[in-house]
Every structure is written in structure tokens, then in C-alpha cells.
Amino acid sequence: MVKRVVIFVVLLIASNSFMNVAWYGHLKYKTAPLWLAIAASWGIAFFEYCCQVPANRIGSADLSVTQLKVIQEIITLVTFAVFSFIAFRERPTTNQLIAYGLIVAAAYFVVKK
């Protein structure tokens, strides 16, 4: 069980890393044509799905769909915070950190038996 959950988490980290680049990376290149941004984002999103679909298949062996989703949301927030700092030099505000904390608390209650 632990091995599958670790694989699930690692694949979701990879998936969400690709997702952040696909969804927000083009904002660094606002002068590029929109069609190129869309095409590049779709190309990157392919790799997101190549990680996300197996992650959820593997994770579903031990976790409920709700647990999968809440864990995915936490990973999304963490990877987004790292991405936005690296790519855009944005630091999370106090309110954002409080919101992240509340989402982590929600995950605790969803996973808690």
C-alpha cells in the first residue's frame, strides 16, 4: 500500500508540474501569438495526462476518489507555489498561506479514518 501511495504522489507531483507550465508558463511570453501558446500548452498537457491518469489508477487501489482529489489539490497548491516563485518570483501572501493551511486541514479530515 505505502509503495503505491508513494508512486501516486510522485506521479501527481510530475503531473502538476507539467500542468503549471502548460497553464501559466505562456504568461512569460505574452508577445507570442495566442495560437502558439495554445498549441504549446496542449503539447505540455499531454505529458501531464501521461502522469495523472496512471497516478489516479494506482492511487485508487488504496484511496477513495475523494481522498485522491483532496491530495491532488494539496499537491497542486504546493507545486503552483514553487512554480510561481521560480517562474515569476511571486511569494505567497499571508492570506494565501492561511488558505493553503485550511486546505491541508481539509485533507487531514478527508483522509482521517
C-alpha atoms as a PDB file:
ATOM      1  CA  MET A   1       0.000   0.000   0.000  1.00  0.00           C
ATOM      2  CA  VAL A   2       2.664   2.530   1.006  1.00  0.00           C
ATOM      3  CA  LYS A   3       4.618   1.906  -2.206  1.00  0.00           C
ATOM      4  CA  ARG A   4       1.525   2.547  -4.368  1.00  0.00           C
ATOM      5  CA  VAL A   5       0.693   5.738  -2.482  1.00  0.00           C
ATOM      6  CA  VAL A   6       4.278   6.988  -2.890  1.00  0.00           C
ATOM      7  CA  ILE A   7       4.144   6.258  -6.633  1.00  0.00           C
ATOM      8  CA  PHE A   8       0.749   8.027  -6.777  1.00  0.00           C
ATOM      9  CA  VAL A   9       2.177  11.123  -5.064  1.00  0.00           C
ATOM     10  CA  VAL A  10       5.339  11.211  -7.219  1.00  0.00           C
ATOM     11  CA  LEU A  11       3.286  10.903 -10.421  1.00  0.00           C
ATOM     12  CA  LEU A  12       0.927  13.656  -9.233  1.00  0.00           C
ATOM     13  CA  ILE A  13       3.862  15.950  -8.485  1.00  0.00           C
ATOM     14  CA  ALA A  14       5.126  15.370 -12.039  1.00  0.00           C
ATOM     15  CA  SER A  15       1.614  15.816 -13.447  1.00  0.00           C
ATOM     16  CA  ASN A  16       1.024  19.066 -11.602  1.00  0.00           C
ATOM     17  CA  SER A  17       4.440  20.389 -12.570  1.00  0.00           C
ATOM     18  CA  PHE A  18       3.552  19.890 -16.231  1.00  0.00           C
ATOM     19  CA  MET A  19       0.098  21.376 -15.584  1.00  0.00           C
ATOM     20  CA  ASN A  20       1.516  24.567 -14.099  1.00  0.00           C
ATOM     21  CA  VAL A  21       3.851  25.039 -17.054  1.00  0.00           C
ATOM     22  CA  ALA A  22       1.001  24.369 -19.505  1.00  0.00           C
ATOM     23  CA  TRP A  23      -1.482  26.654 -17.771  1.00  0.00           C
ATOM     24  CA  TYR A  24       0.754  29.527 -16.700  1.00  0.00           C
ATOM     25  CA  GLY A  25       4.133  29.238 -18.440  1.00  0.00           C
ATOM     26  CA  HIS A  26       2.918  31.046 -21.547  1.00  0.00           C
ATOM     27  CA  LEU A  27       2.313  34.169 -19.436  1.00  0.00           C
ATOM     28  CA  LYS A  28       6.056  34.787 -19.549  1.00  0.00           C
ATOM     29  CA  TYR A  29       5.746  35.075 -23.333  1.00  0.00           C
ATOM     30  CA  LYS A  30       2.784  37.409 -23.790  1.00  0.00           C
ATOM     31  CA  THR A  31       4.085  38.664 -27.134  1.00  0.00           C
ATOM     32  CA  ALA A  32       3.941  35.157 -28.657  1.00  0.00           C
ATOM     33  CA  PRO A  33       0.885  34.515 -30.831  1.00  0.00           C
ATOM     34  CA  LEU A  34      -2.085  33.086 -28.939  1.00  0.00           C
ATOM     35  CA  TRP A  35      -2.318  30.076 -31.248  1.00  0.00           C
ATOM     36  CA  LEU A  36       1.297  29.188 -30.387  1.00  0.00           C
ATOM     37  CA  ALA A  37       0.603  29.471 -26.654  1.00  0.00           C
ATOM     38  CA  ILE A  38      -2.426  27.191 -27.054  1.00  0.00           C
ATOM     39  CA  ALA A  39      -0.507  24.628 -29.122  1.00  0.00           C
ATOM     40  CA  ALA A  40       2.438  24.604 -26.706  1.00  0.00           C
ATOM     41  CA  SER A  41       0.097  24.269 -23.722  1.00  0.00           C
ATOM     42  CA  TRP A  42      -1.702  21.333 -25.317  1.00  0.00           C
ATOM     43  CA  GLY A  43       1.621  19.656 -26.050  1.00  0.00           C
ATOM     44  CA  ILE A  44       2.737  20.042 -22.438  1.00  0.00           C
ATOM     45  CA  ALA A  45      -0.672  18.931 -21.149  1.00  0.00           C
ATOM     46  CA  PHE A  46      -0.190  15.609 -22.955  1.00  0.00           C
ATOM     47  CA  PHE A  47       2.650  14.814 -20.543  1.00  0.00           C
ATOM     48  CA  GLU A  48       0.516  15.989 -17.623  1.00  0.00           C
ATOM     49  CA  TYR A  49      -2.107  13.392 -18.510  1.00  0.00           C
ATOM     50  CA  CYS A  50       0.560  10.718 -19.066  1.00  0.00           C
ATOM     51  CA  CYS A  51       1.375  11.127 -15.359  1.00  0.00           C
ATOM     52  CA  GLN A  52      -2.062  11.987 -13.954  1.00  0.00           C
ATOM     53  CA  VAL A  53      -4.073   9.067 -15.372  1.00  0.00           C
ATOM     54  CA  PRO A  54      -1.727   6.344 -14.082  1.00  0.00           C
ATOM     55  CA  ALA A  55      -1.378   8.216 -10.780  1.00  0.00           C
ATOM     56  CA  ASN A  56      -5.109   8.052 -10.137  1.00  0.00           C
ATOM     57  CA  ARG A  57      -5.337   4.453 -11.322  1.00  0.00           C
ATOM     58  CA  ILE A  58      -2.544   3.441  -8.931  1.00  0.00           C
ATOM     59  CA  GLY A  59      -3.816   5.589  -6.053  1.00  0.00           C
ATOM     60  CA  SER A  60      -7.360   4.288  -6.366  1.00  0.00           C
ATOM     61  CA  ALA A  61      -6.198   0.864  -5.203  1.00  0.00           C
ATOM     62  CA  ASP A  62      -5.807   2.277  -1.674  1.00  0.00           C
ATOM     63  CA  LEU A  63      -7.629   5.618  -1.595  1.00  0.00           C
ATOM     64  CA  SER A  64     -11.181   6.786  -2.274  1.00  0.00           C
ATOM     65  CA  VAL A  65     -11.907   9.179  -5.118  1.00  0.00           C
ATOM     66  CA  THR A  66     -12.435  11.975  -2.572  1.00  0.00           C
ATOM     67  CA  GLN A  67      -9.077  11.235  -0.968  1.00  0.00           C
ATOM     68  CA  LEU A  68      -7.419  11.209  -4.394  1.00  0.00           C
ATOM     69  CA  LYS A  69      -8.896  14.602  -5.209  1.00  0.00           C
ATOM     70  CA  VAL A  70      -8.005  16.300  -1.929  1.00  0.00           C
ATOM     71  CA  ILE A  71      -4.430  15.003  -2.062  1.00  0.00           C
ATOM     72  CA  GLN A  72      -4.218  16.193  -5.665  1.00  0.00           C
ATOM     73  CA  GLU A  73      -5.387  19.677  -4.642  1.00  0.00           C
ATOM     74  CA  ILE A  74      -2.682  19.927  -1.974  1.00  0.00           C
ATOM     75  CA  ILE A  75      -0.047  18.835  -4.460  1.00  0.00           C
ATOM     76  CA  THR A  76      -1.437  21.361  -6.942  1.00  0.00           C
ATOM     77  CA  LEU A  77      -1.078  24.190  -4.428  1.00  0.00           C
ATOM     78  CA  VAL A  78       2.428  23.221  -3.397  1.00  0.00           C
ATOM     79  CA  THR A  79       3.679  22.771  -6.959  1.00  0.00           C
ATOM     80  CA  PHE A  80       1.976  26.012  -8.005  1.00  0.00           C
ATOM     81  CA  ALA A  81       3.587  27.942  -5.137  1.00  0.00           C
ATOM     82  CA  VAL A  82       7.009  26.606  -6.137  1.00  0.00           C
ATOM     83  CA  PHE A  83       6.360  27.249  -9.837  1.00  0.00           C
ATOM     84  CA  SER A  84       5.102  30.801  -9.305  1.00  0.00           C
ATOM     85  CA  PHE A  85       8.151  31.601  -7.186  1.00  0.00           C
ATOM     86  CA  ILE A  86      10.630  30.121  -9.677  1.00  0.00           C
ATOM     87  CA  ALA A  87       8.971  31.370 -12.876  1.00  0.00           C
ATOM     88  CA  PHE A  88       7.509  34.691 -11.707  1.00  0.00           C
ATOM     89  CA  ARG A  89       9.301  35.451  -8.403  1.00  0.00           C
ATOM     90  CA  GLU A  90       5.944  35.628  -6.621  1.00  0.00           C
ATOM     91  CA  ARG A  91       5.922  34.983  -2.893  1.00  0.00           C
ATOM     92  CA  PRO A  92       2.769  33.706  -1.190  1.00  0.00           C
ATOM     93  CA  THR A  93       0.908  36.277   0.900  1.00  0.00           C
ATOM     94  CA  THR A  94      -0.240  35.675   4.454  1.00  0.00           C
ATOM     95  CA  ASN A  95      -3.816  35.143   3.278  1.00  0.00           C
ATOM     96  CA  GLN A  96      -2.682  32.602   0.692  1.00  0.00           C
ATOM     97  CA  LEU A  97      -0.677  30.695   3.306  1.00  0.00           C
ATOM     98  CA  ILE A  98      -3.715  30.636   5.603  1.00  0.00           C
ATOM     99  CA  ALA A  99      -5.837  29.330   2.711  1.00  0.00           C
ATOM    100  CA  TYR A 100      -3.233  26.643   1.964  1.00  0.00           C
ATOM    101  CA  GLY A 101      -3.283  25.654   5.634  1.00  0.00           C
ATOM    102  CA  LEU A 102      -7.055  25.316   5.597  1.00  0.00           C
ATOM    103  CA  ILE A 103      -6.881  23.083   2.539  1.00  0.00           C
ATOM    104  CA  VAL A 104      -4.282  20.903   4.260  1.00  0.00           C
ATOM    105  CA  ALA A 105      -6.606  20.733   7.294  1.00  0.00           C
ATOM    106  CA  ALA A 106      -9.425  19.663   4.963  1.00  0.00           C
ATOM    107  CA  ALA A 107      -7.193  16.920   3.579  1.00  0.00           C
ATOM    108  CA  TYR A 108      -6.491  15.688   7.081  1.00  0.00           C
ATOM    109  CA  PHE A 109     -10.216  15.287   7.771  1.00  0.00           C
ATOM    110  CA  VAL A 110     -10.847  13.576   4.430  1.00  0.00           C
ATOM    111  CA  VAL A 111      -8.029  11.055   4.910  1.00  0.00           C
ATOM    112  CA  LYS A 112      -8.593  10.526   8.653  1.00  0.00           C
ATOM    113  CA  LYS A 113     -10.419   7.280   9.403  1.00  0.00           C
END
